[in-house]
Amino acid sequence: MDVQHALESHPSINGMCDYVGISRSGYYQRENRHNHQSPRKLRKKFIQGEIKAIWIKSLCIYGAGKITQELRSKGYKIAERTVGKYMRELGIHAVYLTPWTTTTRNLEL
């Protein structure tokens, strides 16, 4: 009785696939597809880490243009548009510093 209960509580892959209506090979293909990272996705994650590091090092001021220059100086081949897209995905943006303007003047000088 314990063996039968153990078999019922742990169904086989075949049994689950039959129940859902997919082939066993289809199940394994889908499982491997989700666990496998393509070279493009790995590069994207790495570049996003580099972008975040450069942005933090710049005190959160640099935008896509300057970050692209930094990445190219490190030897990466990447477009400014791609850097901007990755920055949007990361939720980071440039902080534009406004120049100091004098609002009052001493006219007696």
C-alpha atoms as a PDB file:
ATOM      1  CA  MET A   1       0.000   0.000   0.000  1.00  0.00           C
ATOM      2  CA  ASP A   2       2.864   2.437   0.775  1.00  0.00           C
ATOM      3  CA  VAL A   3       4.509   1.755  -2.593  1.00  0.00           C
ATOM      4  CA  GLN A   4       1.275   2.458  -4.435  1.00  0.00           C
ATOM      5  CA  HIS A   5       0.762   5.700  -2.474  1.00  0.00           C
ATOM      6  CA  ALA A   6       4.343   6.777  -3.236  1.00  0.00           C
ATOM      7  CA  LEU A   7       3.829   6.140  -6.952  1.00  0.00           C
ATOM      8  CA  GLU A   8       0.583   8.125  -6.965  1.00  0.00           C
ATOM      9  CA  SER A   9       2.092  11.112  -5.149  1.00  0.00           C
ATOM     10  CA  HIS A  10       5.061  11.349  -7.565  1.00  0.00           C
ATOM     11  CA  PRO A  11       3.689  11.092 -11.101  1.00  0.00           C
ATOM     12  CA  SER A  12       6.049  10.363 -13.949  1.00  0.00           C
ATOM     13  CA  ILE A  13       6.935  12.798 -16.689  1.00  0.00           C
ATOM     14  CA  ASN A  14       5.149  10.507 -19.153  1.00  0.00           C
ATOM     15  CA  GLY A  15       1.977  10.594 -17.087  1.00  0.00           C
ATOM     16  CA  MET A  16       2.035  14.375 -16.754  1.00  0.00           C
ATOM     17  CA  CYS A  17       2.672  14.832 -20.484  1.00  0.00           C
ATOM     18  CA  ASP A  18      -0.195  12.487 -21.367  1.00  0.00           C
ATOM     19  CA  TYR A  19      -2.483  14.365 -18.990  1.00  0.00           C
ATOM     20  CA  VAL A  20      -1.610  17.769 -20.477  1.00  0.00           C
ATOM     21  CA  GLY A  21      -1.551  16.468 -24.036  1.00  0.00           C
ATOM     22  CA  ILE A  22       2.026  17.166 -25.087  1.00  0.00           C
ATOM     23  CA  SER A  23       4.851  14.870 -26.131  1.00  0.00           C
ATOM     24  CA  ARG A  24       7.682  14.034 -23.768  1.00  0.00           C
ATOM     25  CA  SER A  25      10.261  15.459 -26.178  1.00  0.00           C
ATOM     26  CA  GLY A  26       8.250  18.687 -26.391  1.00  0.00           C
ATOM     27  CA  TYR A  27       8.301  18.936 -22.595  1.00  0.00           C
ATOM     28  CA  TYR A  28      12.081  18.574 -22.459  1.00  0.00           C
ATOM     29  CA  GLN A  29      12.611  21.023 -25.330  1.00  0.00           C
ATOM     30  CA  ARG A  30      10.578  23.657 -23.511  1.00  0.00           C
ATOM     31  CA  GLU A  31      12.349  22.975 -20.216  1.00  0.00           C
ATOM     32  CA  ASN A  32      15.778  23.300 -21.825  1.00  0.00           C
ATOM     33  CA  ARG A  33      14.758  26.424 -23.728  1.00  0.00           C
ATOM     34  CA  HIS A  34      13.964  28.273 -20.493  1.00  0.00           C
ATOM     35  CA  ASN A  35      17.133  27.171 -18.744  1.00  0.00           C
ATOM     36  CA  HIS A  36      19.417  28.011 -21.667  1.00  0.00           C
ATOM     37  CA  GLN A  37      20.670  31.580 -22.014  1.00  0.00           C
ATOM     38  CA  SER A  38      21.563  32.632 -25.536  1.00  0.00           C
ATOM     39  CA  PRO A  39      24.847  34.481 -26.130  1.00  0.00           C
ATOM     40  CA  ARG A  40      22.869  37.605 -27.032  1.00  0.00           C
ATOM     41  CA  LYS A  41      20.987  37.570 -23.706  1.00  0.00           C
ATOM     42  CA  LEU A  42      24.205  36.962 -21.783  1.00  0.00           C
ATOM     43  CA  ARG A  43      25.891  39.885 -23.564  1.00  0.00           C
ATOM     44  CA  LYS A  44      22.872  42.094 -22.894  1.00  0.00           C
ATOM     45  CA  LYS A  45      22.947  41.336 -19.164  1.00  0.00           C
ATOM     46  CA  PHE A  46      26.696  41.951 -19.038  1.00  0.00           C
ATOM     47  CA  ILE A  47      26.436  45.254 -20.936  1.00  0.00           C
ATOM     48  CA  GLN A  48      23.549  46.360 -18.698  1.00  0.00           C
ATOM     49  CA  GLY A  49      25.769  45.733 -15.682  1.00  0.00           C
ATOM     50  CA  GLU A  50      28.541  47.805 -17.262  1.00  0.00           C
ATOM     51  CA  ILE A  51      26.075  50.611 -18.066  1.00  0.00           C
ATOM     52  CA  LYS A  52      24.792  50.653 -14.488  1.00  0.00           C
ATOM     53  CA  ALA A  53      28.357  50.714 -13.110  1.00  0.00           C
ATOM     54  CA  ILE A  54      29.395  53.618 -15.372  1.00  0.00           C
ATOM     55  CA  TRP A  55      26.201  55.513 -14.516  1.00  0.00           C
ATOM     56  CA  ILE A  56      26.763  55.096 -10.768  1.00  0.00           C
ATOM     57  CA  LYS A  57      30.450  56.041 -11.125  1.00  0.00           C
ATOM     58  CA  SER A  58      29.354  59.259 -12.863  1.00  0.00           C
ATOM     59  CA  LEU A  59      27.171  60.134  -9.841  1.00  0.00           C
ATOM     60  CA  CYS A  60      24.054  59.279 -11.875  1.00  0.00           C
ATOM     61  CA  ILE A  61      24.678  62.121 -14.327  1.00  0.00           C
ATOM     62  CA  TYR A  62      25.829  60.482 -17.580  1.00  0.00           C
ATOM     63  CA  GLY A  63      23.368  59.821 -20.361  1.00  0.00           C
ATOM     64  CA  ALA A  64      23.460  57.401 -23.264  1.00  0.00           C
ATOM     65  CA  GLY A  65      26.017  59.414 -25.247  1.00  0.00           C
ATOM     66  CA  LYS A  66      28.694  59.587 -22.591  1.00  0.00           C
ATOM     67  CA  ILE A  67      28.089  56.023 -21.456  1.00  0.00           C
ATOM     68  CA  THR A  68      28.479  54.899 -25.085  1.00  0.00           C
ATOM     69  CA  GLN A  69      31.812  56.744 -25.257  1.00  0.00           C
ATOM     70  CA  GLU A  70      32.963  55.029 -22.053  1.00  0.00           C
ATOM     71  CA  LEU A  71      31.946  51.601 -23.342  1.00  0.00           C
ATOM     72  CA  ARG A  72      33.683  52.178 -26.676  1.00  0.00           C
ATOM     73  CA  SER A  73      36.853  53.293 -24.887  1.00  0.00           C
ATOM     74  CA  LYS A  74      36.732  49.964 -23.025  1.00  0.00           C
ATOM     75  CA  GLY A  75      36.547  48.158 -26.377  1.00  0.00           C
ATOM     76  CA  TYR A  76      32.843  47.339 -26.677  1.00  0.00           C
ATOM     77  CA  LYS A  77      31.130  47.817 -30.018  1.00  0.00           C
ATOM     78  CA  ILE A  78      27.701  49.251 -29.216  1.00  0.00           C
ATOM     79  CA  ALA A  79      25.364  51.899 -30.598  1.00  0.00           C
ATOM     80  CA  GLU A  80      24.134  54.880 -28.607  1.00  0.00           C
ATOM     81  CA  ARG A  81      20.561  53.878 -29.372  1.00  0.00           C
ATOM     82  CA  THR A  82      21.157  50.451 -27.807  1.00  0.00           C
ATOM     83  CA  VAL A  83      22.643  52.041 -24.690  1.00  0.00           C
ATOM     84  CA  GLY A  84      19.596  54.316 -24.434  1.00  0.00           C
ATOM     85  CA  LYS A  85      17.258  51.352 -24.796  1.00  0.00           C
ATOM     86  CA  TYR A  86      19.102  49.411 -22.093  1.00  0.00           C
ATOM     87  CA  MET A  87      19.016  52.467 -19.817  1.00  0.00           C
ATOM     88  CA  ARG A  88      15.234  52.707 -20.222  1.00  0.00           C
ATOM     89  CA  GLU A  89      14.904  49.013 -19.396  1.00  0.00           C
ATOM     90  CA  LEU A  90      17.014  49.549 -16.269  1.00  0.00           C
ATOM     91  CA  GLY A  91      14.978  52.608 -15.308  1.00  0.00           C
ATOM     92  CA  ILE A  92      17.956  54.978 -15.256  1.00  0.00           C
ATOM     93  CA  HIS A  93      18.366  58.321 -17.002  1.00  0.00           C
ATOM     94  CA  ALA A  94      20.734  61.248 -17.230  1.00  0.00           C
ATOM     95  CA  VAL A  95      20.534  64.221 -14.909  1.00  0.00           C
ATOM     96  CA  TYR A  96      21.005  67.404 -16.873  1.00  0.00           C
ATOM     97  CA  LEU A  97      22.736  70.072 -14.834  1.00  0.00           C
ATOM     98  CA  THR A  98      21.520  73.577 -15.584  1.00  0.00           C
ATOM     99  CA  PRO A  99      24.244  76.211 -15.788  1.00  0.00           C
ATOM    100  CA  TRP A 100      24.482  78.782 -13.023  1.00  0.00           C
ATOM    101  CA  THR A 101      22.705  81.994 -13.945  1.00  0.00           C
ATOM    102  CA  THR A 102      22.884  85.217 -12.010  1.00  0.00           C
ATOM    103  CA  THR A 103      19.395  86.410 -11.197  1.00  0.00           C
ATOM    104  CA  THR A 104      20.228  89.647  -9.391  1.00  0.00           C
ATOM    105  CA  ARG A 105      22.925  92.221 -10.044  1.00  0.00           C
ATOM    106  CA  ASN A 106      24.354  95.065  -8.098  1.00  0.00           C
ATOM    107  CA  LEU A 107      23.978  97.982 -10.496  1.00  0.00           C
ATOM    108  CA  GLU A 108      26.274 100.274  -8.464  1.00  0.00           C
ATOM    109  CA  LEU A 109      29.411  98.337  -9.451  1.00  0.00           C
END
